[in-house]
Protein backbone atom coordinates (compact mmCIF):
# COMPACT_ATOMS: atom_id res chain seq x y z
CA MET A 1 75.74 101.26 71.05
CA ILE A 2 79.56 101.30 71.44
CA GLY A 3 80.82 104.71 72.56
CA GLN A 4 77.34 106.07 73.26
CA GLN A 5 77.21 108.16 76.44
CA ALA A 6 74.72 107.04 79.03
CA ALA A 7 71.72 109.27 79.52
CA GLU A 8 71.63 111.34 82.67
CA GLY A 9 68.66 112.55 84.68
CA LEU A 10 68.43 115.53 86.94
CA VAL A 11 67.57 113.87 90.29
CA ALA A 12 65.91 115.89 93.07
CA ARG A 13 66.28 113.15 95.68
CA ILE A 14 66.03 109.43 96.22
CA LEU A 15 63.83 107.96 99.00
CA TYR A 16 65.19 104.59 99.88
CA SER A 17 61.99 103.11 101.33
CA SER A 18 58.35 103.91 100.84
CA ALA A 19 55.11 101.87 101.39
CA VAL A 20 52.81 104.51 99.80
CA ASP A 21 54.34 105.00 96.32
CA GLY A 22 53.13 101.71 94.87
CA PRO A 23 52.70 98.16 95.99
CA GLY A 24 55.25 96.77 98.51
CA ASN A 25 58.33 98.58 99.77
CA ARG A 26 59.75 100.75 97.00
CA ALA A 27 62.54 103.16 96.51
CA VAL A 28 61.36 106.47 95.00
CA VAL A 29 63.53 108.48 92.55
CA PHE A 30 62.34 112.13 92.29
CA LEU A 31 63.32 113.96 89.15
CA GLN A 32 63.59 117.74 89.10
CA GLY A 33 61.37 119.89 87.00
CA CYS A 34 57.62 120.06 86.14
CA ASP A 35 55.47 121.67 83.53
CA PHE A 36 52.33 121.94 85.84
CA ASP A 37 51.99 124.48 88.62
CA CYS A 38 49.37 122.74 90.72
CA ALA A 39 47.73 124.98 93.28
CA TYR A 40 48.06 122.16 95.79
CA CYS A 41 51.47 120.90 94.82
CA HIS A 42 52.99 118.78 97.63
CA ASN A 43 56.53 118.77 96.21
CA PRO A 44 56.90 122.43 95.16
CA GLU A 45 60.64 122.48 95.50
CA THR A 46 60.88 119.99 92.65
CA ARG A 47 59.15 122.22 90.09
CA ASN A 48 61.73 124.87 89.05
CA LEU A 49 65.31 124.31 88.04
CA CYS A 50 68.00 125.94 90.15
CA ASP A 51 69.57 128.92 88.31
CA HIS A 52 72.43 129.04 90.68
CA CYS A 53 71.76 132.66 91.75
CA GLY A 54 73.36 131.86 95.21
CA ALA A 55 70.54 133.24 97.37
CA CYS A 56 70.44 130.00 99.32
CA VAL A 57 74.17 129.74 100.22
CA GLY A 58 74.11 132.20 103.14
CA ALA A 59 70.80 130.76 104.34
CA CYS A 60 72.17 127.32 104.92
CA PRO A 61 72.85 126.80 108.68
CA ALA A 62 75.04 123.77 108.14
CA GLY A 63 77.30 125.39 105.53
CA ALA A 64 76.39 122.59 103.01
CA LEU A 65 76.16 125.08 100.16
CA SER A 66 78.91 127.07 98.43
CA ILE A 67 79.46 128.86 95.10
CA ALA A 68 81.81 126.84 92.75
CA GLU A 69 83.19 129.21 90.13
CA GLY A 70 83.39 127.57 86.66
CA GLY A 71 81.80 124.40 87.98
CA GLY A 72 78.83 124.40 85.65
CA GLU A 73 78.49 122.57 82.38
CA GLY A 74 79.46 125.62 80.37
CA GLY A 75 82.12 126.85 82.81
CA GLU A 76 79.62 129.18 84.56
CA ARG A 77 79.41 129.32 88.36
CA ARG A 78 77.05 126.97 90.20
CA VAL A 79 75.83 126.27 93.70
CA ALA A 80 77.63 123.20 95.06
CA TRP A 81 75.95 121.01 97.67
CA ASP A 82 77.81 118.95 100.30
CA GLU A 83 75.41 116.08 101.00
CA THR A 84 77.58 114.87 103.97
CA VAL A 85 76.88 117.87 106.17
CA CYS A 86 73.37 118.77 104.91
CA ARG A 87 70.74 118.70 107.64
CA ASP A 88 67.82 118.61 105.13
CA CYS A 89 66.20 121.53 107.12
CA GLY A 90 64.69 123.25 103.96
CA ALA A 91 66.29 126.66 104.61
CA CYS A 92 67.69 126.73 101.07
CA VAL A 93 64.35 126.31 99.45
CA ARG A 94 62.71 128.95 101.65
CA ALA A 95 65.42 131.36 100.66
CA CYS A 96 65.16 130.66 96.92
CA PRO A 97 63.28 133.27 94.92
CA LYS A 98 61.99 130.48 92.70
CA GLY A 99 61.19 128.09 95.55
CA SER A 100 63.60 125.60 94.05
CA SER A 101 66.09 123.24 95.52
CA PRO A 102 69.87 123.43 94.97
CA LYS A 103 70.28 119.79 96.10
CA THR A 104 70.02 118.16 92.67
CA ARG A 105 72.57 116.05 90.89
CA ARG A 106 72.92 114.59 87.47
CA MET A 107 72.92 110.70 87.52
CA THR A 108 72.92 107.81 85.19
CA ALA A 109 70.58 104.82 85.64
CA ALA A 110 73.61 102.84 86.69
CA GLU A 111 74.51 105.28 89.42
CA ILE A 112 71.05 105.25 90.88
CA LEU A 113 70.83 101.49 90.87
CA ALA A 114 74.27 101.23 92.52
CA ARG A 115 72.87 103.31 95.35
CA LEU A 116 69.98 100.88 95.80
CA GLU A 117 72.12 97.70 95.48
CA ARG A 118 72.55 96.89 99.16
CA ARG A 119 68.88 97.57 99.81
CA LYS A 120 67.70 95.47 96.82
CA PRO A 121 66.68 92.38 98.84
CA PHE A 122 64.16 94.52 100.73
CA LEU A 123 62.65 96.29 97.78
CA SER A 124 59.69 95.44 95.53
CA GLY A 125 60.92 97.85 92.85
CA ILE A 126 61.34 101.55 92.22
CA THR A 127 58.90 104.39 91.62
CA VAL A 128 60.08 107.28 89.45
CA SER A 129 58.27 110.53 90.45
CA GLY A 130 58.94 114.24 90.49
CA GLY A 131 58.39 116.96 89.56
CA GLU A 132 57.29 115.45 86.38
CA CYS A 133 59.48 112.52 85.32
CA GLY A 134 58.12 112.37 81.86
CA LEU A 135 59.89 115.63 80.94
CA GLN A 136 63.14 113.66 81.11
CA ALA A 137 61.79 110.91 78.77
CA ALA A 138 65.04 109.65 77.34
CA PHE A 139 66.55 109.18 80.73
CA LEU A 140 63.29 107.77 82.16
CA GLU A 141 63.35 105.13 79.44
CA GLU A 142 66.85 104.16 80.21
CA LEU A 143 66.13 103.94 83.89
CA ALA A 144 63.10 101.77 83.39
CA VAL A 145 64.97 99.34 81.05
CA ALA A 146 67.93 99.12 83.49
CA ALA A 147 65.67 98.74 86.59
CA ARG A 148 63.76 95.92 84.91
CA ALA A 149 67.09 94.11 84.06
CA ALA A 150 68.21 94.59 87.63
CA GLY A 151 65.09 93.03 89.06
CA LEU A 152 63.67 96.27 90.32
CA PRO A 153 60.70 97.03 88.11
CA ALA A 154 59.79 100.67 87.72
CA LEU A 155 56.42 102.33 88.24
CA ILE A 156 56.09 105.69 86.54
CA ASP A 157 54.27 108.37 88.59
CA THR A 158 53.23 110.92 86.04
CA ASN A 159 50.93 113.91 85.37
CA GLY A 160 50.42 112.59 81.88
CA SER A 161 51.74 115.57 79.95
CA THR A 162 54.25 113.42 78.00
CA ASP A 163 53.07 111.43 74.97
CA TYR A 164 53.79 107.93 76.06
CA SER A 165 52.54 106.35 72.93
CA ALA A 166 55.68 107.82 71.28
CA ARG A 167 57.87 105.86 73.86
CA PRO A 168 56.94 102.20 73.28
CA ARG A 169 60.30 101.00 74.71
CA LEU A 170 59.54 102.91 77.96
CA VAL A 171 55.99 101.53 78.18
CA GLU A 172 57.19 98.02 77.56
CA ALA A 173 59.91 98.20 80.19
CA ALA A 174 57.81 99.88 82.93
CA GLU A 175 55.98 97.76 85.50
CA GLY A 176 53.14 100.26 85.02
CA PHE A 177 52.01 103.88 85.28
CA MET A 178 50.42 105.86 88.08
CA LEU A 179 48.45 108.67 86.34
CA ASP A 180 47.32 111.81 88.13
CA VAL A 181 44.11 113.28 86.64
CA LYS A 182 44.15 116.74 88.15
CA ALA A 183 40.82 117.88 86.75
CA TRP A 184 38.53 116.85 83.90
CA ASP A 185 37.16 120.04 82.58
CA GLN A 186 39.74 121.99 80.45
CA GLY A 187 39.06 125.28 82.16
CA VAL A 188 39.20 123.85 85.67
CA HIS A 189 42.42 122.11 84.81
CA ARG A 190 44.08 125.30 83.50
CA ALA A 191 42.89 127.21 86.49
CA LEU A 192 44.38 124.51 88.79
CA THR A 193 47.63 123.72 86.96
CA LEU A 194 48.14 126.53 84.40
CA ALA A 195 48.24 123.87 81.70
CA GLY A 196 45.79 121.95 79.54
CA ASN A 197 44.84 118.33 79.93
CA ASP A 198 44.31 116.88 76.36
CA ALA A 199 47.54 114.90 76.65
CA VAL A 200 46.45 113.54 80.08
CA LYS A 201 43.12 112.17 78.65
CA ARG A 202 45.05 110.65 75.65
CA ASN A 203 47.48 108.97 77.96
CA LEU A 204 44.57 107.69 80.17
CA GLY A 205 43.07 105.87 77.20
CA TYR A 206 46.42 104.71 75.64
CA LEU A 207 47.95 103.37 78.84
CA ALA A 208 44.71 101.59 79.84
CA GLY A 209 44.47 100.02 76.32
CA ALA A 210 48.13 98.96 76.53
CA GLY A 211 47.51 97.19 79.91
CA LYS A 212 49.98 99.48 81.66
CA LEU A 213 47.73 101.74 83.77
CA ALA A 214 48.35 100.46 87.28
CA GLU A 215 46.59 103.37 89.07
CA VAL A 216 44.60 106.57 88.49
CA ARG A 217 44.64 109.20 91.16
CA VAL A 218 42.47 112.23 91.90
CA VAL A 219 43.35 114.70 94.63
CA VAL A 220 40.04 115.78 96.14
CA ALA A 221 40.38 119.55 96.86
CA PRO A 222 36.93 121.22 97.26
CA GLY A 223 36.65 124.36 95.22
CA LEU A 224 39.66 123.54 93.04
CA VAL A 225 38.97 120.16 91.50
CA ASP A 226 35.87 118.94 89.70
CA ALA A 227 36.21 115.58 91.38
CA GLU A 228 32.78 114.21 90.34
CA ALA A 229 33.49 115.02 86.75
CA CYS A 230 36.92 113.30 87.04
CA VAL A 231 35.35 110.14 88.38
CA ARG A 232 32.73 109.99 85.73
CA GLY A 233 35.27 110.78 82.89
CA ILE A 234 37.87 108.37 84.08
CA ALA A 235 35.21 105.56 84.42
CA GLU A 236 33.99 106.12 80.87
CA VAL A 237 37.48 105.95 79.39
CA LEU A 238 38.32 102.85 81.29
CA ARG A 239 35.05 101.10 80.50
CA THR A 240 35.80 101.69 76.84
CA ALA A 241 39.30 100.13 77.38
CA GLY A 242 37.85 97.22 79.33
CA THR A 243 39.85 97.90 82.39
CA ALA A 244 37.46 99.75 84.76
CA GLY A 245 36.81 96.65 86.85
CA ARG A 246 40.56 96.19 87.71
CA THR A 247 42.40 99.51 87.46
CA VAL A 248 42.88 101.18 90.91
CA LEU A 249 41.19 104.51 91.27
CA LYS A 250 42.67 106.29 94.32
CA LEU A 251 40.82 109.26 95.76
CA ILE A 252 43.22 111.40 97.78
CA ALA A 253 42.11 113.85 100.31
CA PHE A 254 43.96 117.19 100.02
CA ARG A 255 46.30 117.67 102.96
CA ARG A 256 48.25 120.80 103.91
CA GLU A 257 51.61 119.10 104.65
CA GLY A 258 54.28 120.07 102.20
CA VAL A 259 52.24 122.66 100.13
CA ARG A 260 53.44 126.20 99.58
CA PRO A 261 52.54 128.46 102.63
CA ALA A 262 50.05 130.57 100.61
CA ARG A 263 48.00 127.43 99.98
CA VAL A 264 47.92 126.02 103.56
CA ALA A 265 44.42 127.49 104.18
CA LEU A 266 42.82 125.47 101.42
CA PRO A 267 40.08 123.12 102.82
CA GLY A 268 40.31 119.40 102.74
CA PRO A 269 37.26 117.25 101.90
CA GLY A 270 35.12 115.59 104.55
CA ARG A 271 34.86 111.82 104.87
CA GLU A 272 31.22 111.91 103.52
CA GLU A 273 32.42 113.58 100.35
CA LEU A 274 35.05 111.01 99.85
CA GLU A 275 32.70 108.12 100.47
CA ALA A 276 30.20 109.61 98.02
CA LEU A 277 32.78 109.87 95.31
CA ALA A 278 33.82 106.30 95.98
CA ALA A 279 30.20 105.17 95.70
CA LEU A 280 29.82 107.02 92.42
CA ALA A 281 32.91 105.42 91.05
CA ARG A 282 31.71 101.91 91.96
CA SER A 283 28.34 102.75 90.35
CA GLU A 284 30.28 103.76 87.14
CA GLY A 285 31.93 100.38 87.03
CA MET A 286 35.14 101.03 88.85
CA GLY A 287 35.90 97.84 90.73
CA ASN A 288 38.95 98.89 92.80
CA VAL A 289 38.39 102.20 94.62
CA VAL A 290 40.73 103.31 97.41
CA ILE A 291 40.33 106.33 99.73
CA VAL A 292 43.44 107.87 101.07
């Protein structure tokens, strides 16, 4: 529409090359903000929004952060980040009372794709992750549409809390969705994430039925996740949708790298447990099971 302002997303960071965030070599766009608080979160700095308190400024050894008075959207002060001198050392996140990152920026889809232009010949597409990208649904939709038009189809990496059935334009434009199923039992899910999972289960069935469910993922964290129930529940939904034989089920072993320090002592699963879950999934009709 003439005169309509382009949607902007709050971007945490852009990873220009990844072989583990979907098929091929993909750029990954991480959006800031999440409505789950997973005990094993591997990107905790993308959960909370920076409130520009300034606690990080003095902690930055490179001098990449400063206070800009009147630089915010409403004229309030904000933390300004100089990307050119940043060492990406993480001191700012460690100093933040909320464990957030000040290194975010508002960007349009066109600005993101412009950053990827010279790398485009080497990319299979983009993956939009987070945080939880679905919380910025209007921007996510615009990005997926623009990326498809640019020849860089978008995979949506999501926790499933957004009602994607209400976003048919997004679903149509996306190459597919990679859905995290954190837990199957409602109580287990709330204990793990501080949120319910009704929307996740609805999206599982909807996206499978729409032919847009590229991958379902379960992080196997003993004592935190009801992984066997997840496998059985996922398989039942996908059998009903007729996609159990071809949808990828990825069983991901919990790893300590990147998690909040208080969670580092959580145990990871043994190989036998992962293999047993994979065997269960295959017995339930899942035809493409991957252990990571």
